[in-house]
Amino acid sequence: MRLDKYLKVARILKRRSVSKELADSQRVYVNGRIAKPSTEIKVGDEIQILFGNRELRVRVRAIEKQVNKSAAAELFEIIEERRIEQNEIA
């Protein structure tokens, strides 16, 4: 599944256009590498998202084409979520 679609289906981000925009601006990494919106996501991949002054790292647990809101949280596990200090922003 494409990265931008996965982030939307898993409800990590609200809209696919937002996930595409973040990836286009090189603020999304998959397994430590800058990712494009079309990057294929597999179970076990680690996704890092930098948005605003936050960093979110998740591991993909499952991939589904469609899930209800309550099941979306089971598609990934949060590895780390932290606030980025102003001096850390590149």
Protein backbone atom coordinates (compact mmCIF):
# COMPACT_ATOMS: atom_id res chain seq x y z
CA MET A 1 0.00 0.00 0.00
CA ARG A 2 1.20 3.53 -0.75
CA LEU A 3 2.55 5.56 2.17
CA ASP A 4 0.09 8.43 1.75
CA LYS A 5 -2.88 6.06 1.68
CA TYR A 6 -1.63 4.05 4.68
CA LEU A 7 -1.28 7.16 6.84
CA LYS A 8 -4.89 8.07 6.02
CA VAL A 9 -6.37 4.56 6.48
CA ALA A 10 -4.54 4.10 9.80
CA ARG A 11 -5.80 7.55 10.83
CA ILE A 12 -2.31 8.75 11.69
CA LEU A 13 -3.11 11.79 9.56
CA LYS A 14 -6.63 13.00 8.77
CA ARG A 15 -6.33 13.50 5.02
CA ARG A 16 -4.33 11.80 2.29
CA SER A 17 -3.47 15.21 0.84
CA VAL A 18 -1.79 16.15 4.14
CA SER A 19 0.31 12.97 4.14
CA LYS A 20 1.27 13.59 0.50
CA GLU A 21 2.26 17.18 1.32
CA LEU A 22 4.42 16.10 4.28
CA ALA A 23 6.17 13.43 2.20
CA ASP A 24 6.73 15.87 -0.68
CA SER A 25 8.40 18.27 1.77
CA GLN A 26 10.73 15.46 2.99
CA ARG A 27 9.23 15.23 6.48
CA VAL A 28 8.36 11.52 6.32
CA TYR A 29 10.89 8.70 6.59
CA VAL A 30 10.42 4.96 6.10
CA ASN A 31 13.09 2.76 7.67
CA GLY A 32 15.37 5.78 8.06
CA ARG A 33 15.12 6.99 4.46
CA ILE A 34 13.23 9.98 3.08
CA ALA A 35 10.00 8.63 1.62
CA LYS A 36 7.86 9.71 -1.32
CA PRO A 37 4.06 9.54 -1.11
CA SER A 38 4.18 6.51 -3.43
CA THR A 39 6.62 4.51 -1.24
CA GLU A 40 5.23 0.99 -0.73
CA ILE A 41 4.62 0.16 2.92
CA LYS A 42 5.03 -3.37 4.31
CA VAL A 43 4.34 -4.92 7.70
CA GLY A 44 7.31 -4.25 9.98
CA ASP A 45 8.30 -0.95 8.36
CA GLU A 46 9.11 1.95 10.67
CA ILE A 47 7.61 5.32 9.73
CA GLN A 48 8.88 8.60 11.16
CA ILE A 49 6.79 11.76 10.67
CA LEU A 50 7.94 15.29 11.49
CA PHE A 51 5.08 17.76 11.71
CA GLY A 52 5.03 21.08 13.45
CA ASN A 53 7.18 20.68 16.54
CA ARG A 54 6.40 16.97 16.97
CA GLU A 55 8.02 13.75 15.88
CA LEU A 56 6.07 10.51 15.67
CA ARG A 57 7.64 7.11 15.05
CA VAL A 58 5.39 4.10 14.42
CA ARG A 59 5.85 0.48 13.33
CA VAL A 60 3.43 -0.99 10.81
CA ARG A 61 1.61 -3.98 12.34
CA ALA A 62 -0.96 -4.64 9.62
CA ILE A 63 -2.14 -3.27 6.30
CA GLU A 64 -5.84 -3.09 5.47
CA LYS A 65 -7.59 -1.30 2.60
CA GLN A 66 -10.35 -0.07 4.87
CA VAL A 67 -10.98 -0.17 8.62
CA ASN A 68 -13.39 1.41 11.04
CA LYS A 69 -12.20 4.05 13.47
CA SER A 70 -11.81 1.72 16.45
CA ALA A 71 -9.72 -0.82 14.50
CA ALA A 72 -7.42 1.76 12.90
CA ALA A 73 -5.21 2.00 16.01
CA GLU A 74 -4.40 -1.72 15.66
CA LEU A 75 -2.69 -1.16 12.29
CA PHE A 76 0.37 0.38 13.94
CA GLU A 77 2.22 0.66 17.23
CA ILE A 78 3.73 3.90 18.49
CA ILE A 79 7.47 3.56 19.05
CA GLU A 80 8.09 7.15 20.10
CA GLU A 81 6.23 10.44 20.20
CA ARG A 82 8.08 13.52 21.28
CA ARG A 83 8.18 17.28 21.08
CA ILE A 84 11.04 18.70 19.02
CA GLU A 85 12.86 21.64 20.57
CA GLN A 86 13.43 24.70 18.38
CA ASN A 87 17.21 24.12 18.26
CA GLU A 88 16.71 20.55 16.92
CA ILE A 89 14.69 21.58 13.88
CA ALA A 90 16.86 21.38 10.78
